[in-house]
């Protein structure tokens, strides 16, 4: 786990260094030649519509006929799986030992133990829900179908995401209205990021 964490930190430091260099180059270009920077911004500002290409993923798959046609088998599988998982969570799983495997031996209570305890709690709730729904599906399939129909509500989120997808020219107009102050600020921030990245990489 320590090796994975070190690799992740090295990747973040290298990416920070790259973005720092790019930020300094763009900020210097904005100070020296704002007109060329504006032309470059127009070239790079491209809108790619992926909605049409991903429409085939937005199709419903009706498996309710299979579930309710084989409600005994599906109900037994849900109950058996939930019972096995609950047994594992309550009897076999030791949070402290499990945390030591992934996060190493640390203090008695670590953030790793807190994270695993939260995941364990969510898993227990999910297993109890699986037991409940599996039992209803096993013995009362019609009631389960009515419950599914009442819970199967449609929430329209497309309008909200369309508002977020609208382009805004306020930021670009502010940048090109005050190219030198924005450029100096960008160079300063990029220089600070570069220095921190180089220090971390050298350590």
C-alpha atoms as a PDB file:
ATOM      1  CA  UNK A   1       0.000   0.000   0.000  1.00  0.00           C
ATOM      2  CA  UNK A   2       2.930   2.309   0.774  1.00  0.00           C
ATOM      3  CA  UNK A   3       4.400   1.729  -2.717  1.00  0.00           C
ATOM      4  CA  UNK A   4       1.067   2.596  -4.367  1.00  0.00           C
ATOM      5  CA  UNK A   5       0.820   5.776  -2.276  1.00  0.00           C
ATOM      6  CA  UNK A   6       4.376   6.797  -3.260  1.00  0.00           C
ATOM      7  CA  UNK A   7       3.656   6.175  -6.953  1.00  0.00           C
ATOM      8  CA  UNK A   8       0.472   8.252  -6.714  1.00  0.00           C
ATOM      9  CA  UNK A   9       2.324  11.131  -5.035  1.00  0.00           C
ATOM     10  CA  UNK A  10       5.068  11.029  -7.693  1.00  0.00           C
ATOM     11  CA  UNK A  11       2.464  11.165 -10.476  1.00  0.00           C
ATOM     12  CA  UNK A  12       0.719  14.134  -8.804  1.00  0.00           C
ATOM     13  CA  UNK A  13       4.040  15.972  -8.411  1.00  0.00           C
ATOM     14  CA  UNK A  14       4.984  15.405 -12.066  1.00  0.00           C
ATOM     15  CA  UNK A  15       1.543  16.549 -13.271  1.00  0.00           C
ATOM     16  CA  UNK A  16       1.793  19.629 -11.029  1.00  0.00           C
ATOM     17  CA  UNK A  17       5.180  20.424 -12.541  1.00  0.00           C
ATOM     18  CA  UNK A  18       3.798  20.095 -16.085  1.00  0.00           C
ATOM     19  CA  UNK A  19       0.766  22.278 -15.346  1.00  0.00           C
ATOM     20  CA  UNK A  20       3.011  24.827 -13.631  1.00  0.00           C
ATOM     21  CA  UNK A  21       5.186  25.093 -16.757  1.00  0.00           C
ATOM     22  CA  UNK A  22       2.120  25.417 -18.980  1.00  0.00           C
ATOM     23  CA  UNK A  23       0.597  28.042 -16.671  1.00  0.00           C
ATOM     24  CA  UNK A  24       3.794  30.102 -16.706  1.00  0.00           C
ATOM     25  CA  UNK A  25       4.029  29.884 -20.513  1.00  0.00           C
ATOM     26  CA  UNK A  26       0.406  30.944 -21.040  1.00  0.00           C
ATOM     27  CA  UNK A  27       0.686  33.759 -18.463  1.00  0.00           C
ATOM     28  CA  UNK A  28       3.880  35.085 -20.059  1.00  0.00           C
ATOM     29  CA  UNK A  29       2.251  34.899 -23.491  1.00  0.00           C
ATOM     30  CA  UNK A  30      -0.775  36.792 -22.142  1.00  0.00           C
ATOM     31  CA  UNK A  31       1.490  39.611 -20.888  1.00  0.00           C
ATOM     32  CA  UNK A  32       3.660  39.820 -24.000  1.00  0.00           C
ATOM     33  CA  UNK A  33       1.099  39.180 -26.730  1.00  0.00           C
ATOM     34  CA  UNK A  34      -2.552  39.200 -25.598  1.00  0.00           C
ATOM     35  CA  UNK A  35      -3.773  39.238 -29.229  1.00  0.00           C
ATOM     36  CA  UNK A  36      -1.970  35.977 -30.049  1.00  0.00           C
ATOM     37  CA  UNK A  37      -3.221  34.462 -26.788  1.00  0.00           C
ATOM     38  CA  UNK A  38      -6.779  35.385 -27.752  1.00  0.00           C
ATOM     39  CA  UNK A  39      -6.346  33.737 -31.157  1.00  0.00           C
ATOM     40  CA  UNK A  40      -4.952  30.625 -29.453  1.00  0.00           C
ATOM     41  CA  UNK A  41      -7.937  30.618 -27.089  1.00  0.00           C
ATOM     42  CA  UNK A  42     -10.352  30.736 -30.040  1.00  0.00           C
ATOM     43  CA  UNK A  43      -8.542  27.823 -31.676  1.00  0.00           C
ATOM     44  CA  UNK A  44      -8.615  25.695 -28.505  1.00  0.00           C
ATOM     45  CA  UNK A  45     -12.209  26.546 -27.584  1.00  0.00           C
ATOM     46  CA  UNK A  46     -13.979  23.627 -29.172  1.00  0.00           C
ATOM     47  CA  UNK A  47     -17.354  22.199 -28.235  1.00  0.00           C
ATOM     48  CA  UNK A  48     -17.657  18.429 -28.551  1.00  0.00           C
ATOM     49  CA  UNK A  49     -21.178  17.043 -28.452  1.00  0.00           C
ATOM     50  CA  UNK A  50     -21.087  13.560 -26.951  1.00  0.00           C
ATOM     51  CA  UNK A  51     -24.812  13.307 -26.206  1.00  0.00           C
ATOM     52  CA  UNK A  52     -25.627  11.836 -29.613  1.00  0.00           C
ATOM     53  CA  UNK A  53     -22.818   9.292 -29.333  1.00  0.00           C
ATOM     54  CA  UNK A  54     -23.867   8.186 -25.839  1.00  0.00           C
ATOM     55  CA  UNK A  55     -27.602   7.923 -26.501  1.00  0.00           C
ATOM     56  CA  UNK A  56     -27.337   4.165 -26.878  1.00  0.00           C
ATOM     57  CA  UNK A  57     -26.191   3.971 -23.227  1.00  0.00           C
ATOM     58  CA  UNK A  58     -29.308   5.788 -22.045  1.00  0.00           C
ATOM     59  CA  UNK A  59     -31.685   2.947 -22.754  1.00  0.00           C
ATOM     60  CA  UNK A  60     -33.669   1.078 -20.156  1.00  0.00           C
ATOM     61  CA  UNK A  61     -33.234  -2.670 -19.774  1.00  0.00           C
ATOM     62  CA  UNK A  62     -36.368  -4.408 -18.553  1.00  0.00           C
ATOM     63  CA  UNK A  63     -35.437  -7.412 -16.399  1.00  0.00           C
ATOM     64  CA  UNK A  64     -38.498  -7.340 -14.170  1.00  0.00           C
ATOM     65  CA  UNK A  65     -40.189 -10.143 -16.159  1.00  0.00           C
ATOM     66  CA  UNK A  66     -37.216 -12.417 -15.500  1.00  0.00           C
ATOM     67  CA  UNK A  67     -37.122 -11.503 -11.782  1.00  0.00           C
ATOM     68  CA  UNK A  68     -40.802 -12.055 -11.193  1.00  0.00           C
ATOM     69  CA  UNK A  69     -40.905 -15.112 -13.450  1.00  0.00           C
ATOM     70  CA  UNK A  70     -38.177 -16.723 -11.309  1.00  0.00           C
ATOM     71  CA  UNK A  71     -38.922 -14.966  -8.028  1.00  0.00           C
ATOM     72  CA  UNK A  72     -38.159 -18.033  -5.889  1.00  0.00           C
ATOM     73  CA  UNK A  73     -34.630 -18.458  -7.318  1.00  0.00           C
ATOM     74  CA  UNK A  74     -33.825 -14.733  -7.252  1.00  0.00           C
ATOM     75  CA  UNK A  75     -35.250 -14.345  -3.732  1.00  0.00           C
ATOM     76  CA  UNK A  76     -33.233 -17.304  -2.443  1.00  0.00           C
ATOM     77  CA  UNK A  77     -30.061 -15.906  -4.031  1.00  0.00           C
ATOM     78  CA  UNK A  78     -30.639 -12.503  -2.410  1.00  0.00           C
ATOM     79  CA  UNK A  79     -31.314 -14.008   1.003  1.00  0.00           C
ATOM     80  CA  UNK A  80     -28.370 -16.419   0.799  1.00  0.00           C
ATOM     81  CA  UNK A  81     -25.946 -13.743  -0.410  1.00  0.00           C
ATOM     82  CA  UNK A  82     -27.057 -11.227   2.216  1.00  0.00           C
ATOM     83  CA  UNK A  83     -26.833 -13.855   4.992  1.00  0.00           C
ATOM     84  CA  UNK A  84     -23.320 -14.867   3.940  1.00  0.00           C
ATOM     85  CA  UNK A  85     -22.176 -11.223   3.759  1.00  0.00           C
ATOM     86  CA  UNK A  86     -23.682 -10.439   7.180  1.00  0.00           C
ATOM     87  CA  UNK A  87     -21.948 -13.463   8.689  1.00  0.00           C
ATOM     88  CA  UNK A  88     -18.652 -12.252   7.212  1.00  0.00           C
ATOM     89  CA  UNK A  89     -19.172  -8.689   8.458  1.00  0.00           C
ATOM     90  CA  UNK A  90     -20.149  -9.668  12.000  1.00  0.00           C
ATOM     91  CA  UNK A  91     -17.958 -12.746  12.626  1.00  0.00           C
ATOM     92  CA  UNK A  92     -14.993 -13.023  10.269  1.00  0.00           C
ATOM     93  CA  UNK A  93     -13.985  -9.412   9.616  1.00  0.00           C
ATOM     94  CA  UNK A  94     -11.525  -7.731  11.985  1.00  0.00           C
ATOM     95  CA  UNK A  95     -11.344  -4.018  11.154  1.00  0.00           C
ATOM     96  CA  UNK A  96      -8.041  -3.445  12.959  1.00  0.00           C
ATOM     97  CA  UNK A  97      -6.234  -6.299  11.151  1.00  0.00           C
ATOM     98  CA  UNK A  98      -7.825  -5.405   7.830  1.00  0.00           C
ATOM     99  CA  UNK A  99      -6.702  -1.788   8.269  1.00  0.00           C
ATOM    100  CA  UNK A 100      -3.140  -2.893   9.084  1.00  0.00           C
ATOM    101  CA  UNK A 101      -2.992  -4.842   5.802  1.00  0.00           C
ATOM    102  CA  UNK A 102      -3.855  -1.812   3.644  1.00  0.00           C
ATOM    103  CA  UNK A 103      -2.669   1.150   5.713  1.00  0.00           C
ATOM    104  CA  UNK A 104       0.080  -0.341   7.889  1.00  0.00           C
ATOM    105  CA  UNK A 105       0.361  -0.454  11.682  1.00  0.00           C
ATOM    106  CA  UNK A 106      -0.360   3.023  13.052  1.00  0.00           C
ATOM    107  CA  UNK A 107      -2.158   4.477  16.047  1.00  0.00           C
ATOM    108  CA  UNK A 108      -5.100   2.553  17.599  1.00  0.00           C
ATOM    109  CA  UNK A 109      -7.658   4.634  15.682  1.00  0.00           C
ATOM    110  CA  UNK A 110      -6.626   5.720  12.188  1.00  0.00           C
ATOM    111  CA  UNK A 111      -8.420   7.278   9.258  1.00  0.00           C
ATOM    112  CA  UNK A 112      -8.149   3.895   7.558  1.00  0.00           C
ATOM    113  CA  UNK A 113     -10.135   2.231  10.333  1.00  0.00           C
ATOM    114  CA  UNK A 114     -12.732   5.007  10.175  1.00  0.00           C
ATOM    115  CA  UNK A 115     -13.056   4.557   6.407  1.00  0.00           C
ATOM    116  CA  UNK A 116     -13.360   0.785   6.689  1.00  0.00           C
ATOM    117  CA  UNK A 117     -15.880   1.092   9.529  1.00  0.00           C
ATOM    118  CA  UNK A 118     -18.008   3.383   7.370  1.00  0.00           C
ATOM    119  CA  UNK A 119     -17.849   0.935   4.449  1.00  0.00           C
ATOM    120  CA  UNK A 120     -18.721  -1.892   6.865  1.00  0.00           C
ATOM    121  CA  UNK A 121     -21.746   0.022   8.162  1.00  0.00           C
ATOM    122  CA  UNK A 122     -22.973   0.689   4.606  1.00  0.00           C
ATOM    123  CA  UNK A 123     -22.451  -2.987   3.771  1.00  0.00           C
ATOM    124  CA  UNK A 124     -24.490  -4.117   6.775  1.00  0.00           C
ATOM    125  CA  UNK A 125     -27.366  -1.796   5.865  1.00  0.00           C
ATOM    126  CA  UNK A 126     -27.256  -3.075   2.270  1.00  0.00           C
ATOM    127  CA  UNK A 127     -27.299  -6.692   3.463  1.00  0.00           C
ATOM    128  CA  UNK A 128     -30.307  -6.094   5.714  1.00  0.00           C
ATOM    129  CA  UNK A 129     -32.068  -4.447   2.762  1.00  0.00           C
ATOM    130  CA  UNK A 130     -31.152  -7.484   0.624  1.00  0.00           C
ATOM    131  CA  UNK A 131     -32.628  -9.799   3.252  1.00  0.00           C
ATOM    132  CA  UNK A 132     -35.819  -7.756   3.388  1.00  0.00           C
ATOM    133  CA  UNK A 133     -36.323  -7.440  -0.366  1.00  0.00           C
ATOM    134  CA  UNK A 134     -35.271 -11.048  -0.978  1.00  0.00           C
ATOM    135  CA  UNK A 135     -37.831 -12.298   1.539  1.00  0.00           C
ATOM    136  CA  UNK A 136     -40.587 -10.138   0.046  1.00  0.00           C
ATOM    137  CA  UNK A 137     -39.660 -11.294  -3.460  1.00  0.00           C
ATOM    138  CA  UNK A 138     -39.606 -14.917  -2.280  1.00  0.00           C
ATOM    139  CA  UNK A 139     -42.969 -14.965  -0.485  1.00  0.00           C
ATOM    140  CA  UNK A 140     -44.861 -11.891  -1.775  1.00  0.00           C
ATOM    141  CA  UNK A 141     -43.787 -11.203  -5.377  1.00  0.00           C
ATOM    142  CA  UNK A 142     -46.912  -9.181  -6.218  1.00  0.00           C
ATOM    143  CA  UNK A 143     -46.348  -6.875  -3.256  1.00  0.00           C
ATOM    144  CA  UNK A 144     -42.708  -6.504  -4.307  1.00  0.00           C
ATOM    145  CA  UNK A 145     -43.808  -5.531  -7.809  1.00  0.00           C
ATOM    146  CA  UNK A 146     -46.185  -2.869  -6.436  1.00  0.00           C
ATOM    147  CA  UNK A 147     -43.372  -1.558  -4.213  1.00  0.00           C
ATOM    148  CA  UNK A 148     -41.029  -1.399  -7.211  1.00  0.00           C
ATOM    149  CA  UNK A 149     -43.583   0.520  -9.278  1.00  0.00           C
ATOM    150  CA  UNK A 150     -44.099   3.053  -6.470  1.00  0.00           C
ATOM    151  CA  UNK A 151     -40.323   3.530  -6.017  1.00  0.00           C
ATOM    152  CA  UNK A 152     -39.540   3.646  -9.736  1.00  0.00           C
ATOM    153  CA  UNK A 153     -39.752   7.442 -10.032  1.00  0.00           C
ATOM    154  CA  UNK A 154     -38.227   9.438 -12.894  1.00  0.00           C
ATOM    155  CA  UNK A 155     -36.132  12.496 -12.063  1.00  0.00           C
ATOM    156  CA  UNK A 156     -35.383  14.886 -14.920  1.00  0.00           C
ATOM    157  CA  UNK A 157     -31.842  16.249 -14.602  1.00  0.00           C
ATOM    158  CA  UNK A 158     -31.193  17.127 -18.244  1.00  0.00           C
ATOM    159  CA  UNK A 159     -32.296  20.750 -17.854  1.00  0.00           C
ATOM    160  CA  UNK A 160     -29.902  21.296 -14.954  1.00  0.00           C
ATOM    161  CA  UNK A 161     -26.925  19.867 -16.850  1.00  0.00           C
ATOM    162  CA  UNK A 162     -27.820  21.920 -19.932  1.00  0.00           C
ATOM    163  CA  UNK A 163     -27.509  25.094 -17.839  1.00  0.00           C
ATOM    164  CA  UNK A 164     -24.076  23.952 -16.618  1.00  0.00           C
ATOM    165  CA  UNK A 165     -23.026  23.194 -20.195  1.00  0.00           C
ATOM    166  CA  UNK A 166     -23.694  26.710 -21.484  1.00  0.00           C
ATOM    167  CA  UNK A 167     -20.478  28.591 -22.409  1.00  0.00           C
ATOM    168  CA  UNK A 168     -19.577  31.786 -20.582  1.00  0.00           C
ATOM    169  CA  UNK A 169     -17.469  34.544 -22.090  1.00  0.00           C
ATOM    170  CA  UNK A 170     -17.173  36.564 -18.869  1.00  0.00           C
ATOM    171  CA  UNK A 171     -13.918  34.891 -17.789  1.00  0.00           C
ATOM    172  CA  UNK A 172     -12.225  35.289 -21.186  1.00  0.00           C
ATOM    173  CA  UNK A 173     -13.318  38.905 -21.499  1.00  0.00           C
ATOM    174  CA  UNK A 174     -11.902  39.659 -18.023  1.00  0.00           C
ATOM    175  CA  UNK A 175      -8.574  37.997 -18.874  1.00  0.00           C
ATOM    176  CA  UNK A 176      -8.118  39.892 -22.130  1.00  0.00           C
ATOM    177  CA  UNK A 177      -9.340  43.186 -20.644  1.00  0.00           C
ATOM    178  CA  UNK A 178      -6.578  43.102 -17.997  1.00  0.00           C
ATOM    179  CA  UNK A 179      -3.826  40.997 -19.624  1.00  0.00           C
ATOM    180  CA  UNK A 180      -0.853  42.288 -17.622  1.00  0.00           C
ATOM    181  CA  UNK A 181      -2.264  41.982 -14.060  1.00  0.00           C
ATOM    182  CA  UNK A 182      -3.704  38.573 -14.879  1.00  0.00           C
ATOM    183  CA  UNK A 183      -0.447  37.512 -16.556  1.00  0.00           C
ATOM    184  CA  UNK A 184       1.679  38.665 -13.604  1.00  0.00           C
ATOM    185  CA  UNK A 185      -0.611  36.838 -11.181  1.00  0.00           C
ATOM    186  CA  UNK A 186      -0.462  33.695 -13.320  1.00  0.00           C
ATOM    187  CA  UNK A 187       3.334  33.823 -13.571  1.00  0.00           C
ATOM    188  CA  UNK A 188       3.630  34.262  -9.800  1.00  0.00           C
ATOM    189  CA  UNK A 189       1.305  31.359  -9.005  1.00  0.00           C
ATOM    190  CA  UNK A 190       2.928  29.151 -11.639  1.00  0.00           C
ATOM    191  CA  UNK A 191       6.388  29.960 -10.292  1.00  0.00           C
ATOM    192  CA  UNK A 192       5.262  29.044  -6.772  1.00  0.00           C
ATOM    193  CA  UNK A 193       3.783  25.755  -8.018  1.00  0.00           C
ATOM    194  CA  UNK A 194       6.979  25.001  -9.961  1.00  0.00           C
ATOM    195  CA  UNK A 195       9.172  25.640  -6.917  1.00  0.00           C
ATOM    196  CA  UNK A 196       7.027  23.411  -4.695  1.00  0.00           C
ATOM    197  CA  UNK A 197       6.962  20.658  -7.309  1.00  0.00           C
ATOM    198  CA  UNK A 198      10.745  20.724  -7.790  1.00  0.00           C
ATOM    199  CA  UNK A 199      11.357  20.711  -4.011  1.00  0.00           C
ATOM    200  CA  UNK A 200       9.023  17.737  -3.554  1.00  0.00           C
ATOM    201  CA  UNK A 201      10.583  15.833  -6.456  1.00  0.00           C
ATOM    202  CA  UNK A 202      14.110  16.438  -5.119  1.00  0.00           C
ATOM    203  CA  UNK A 203      13.101  15.232  -1.641  1.00  0.00           C
END
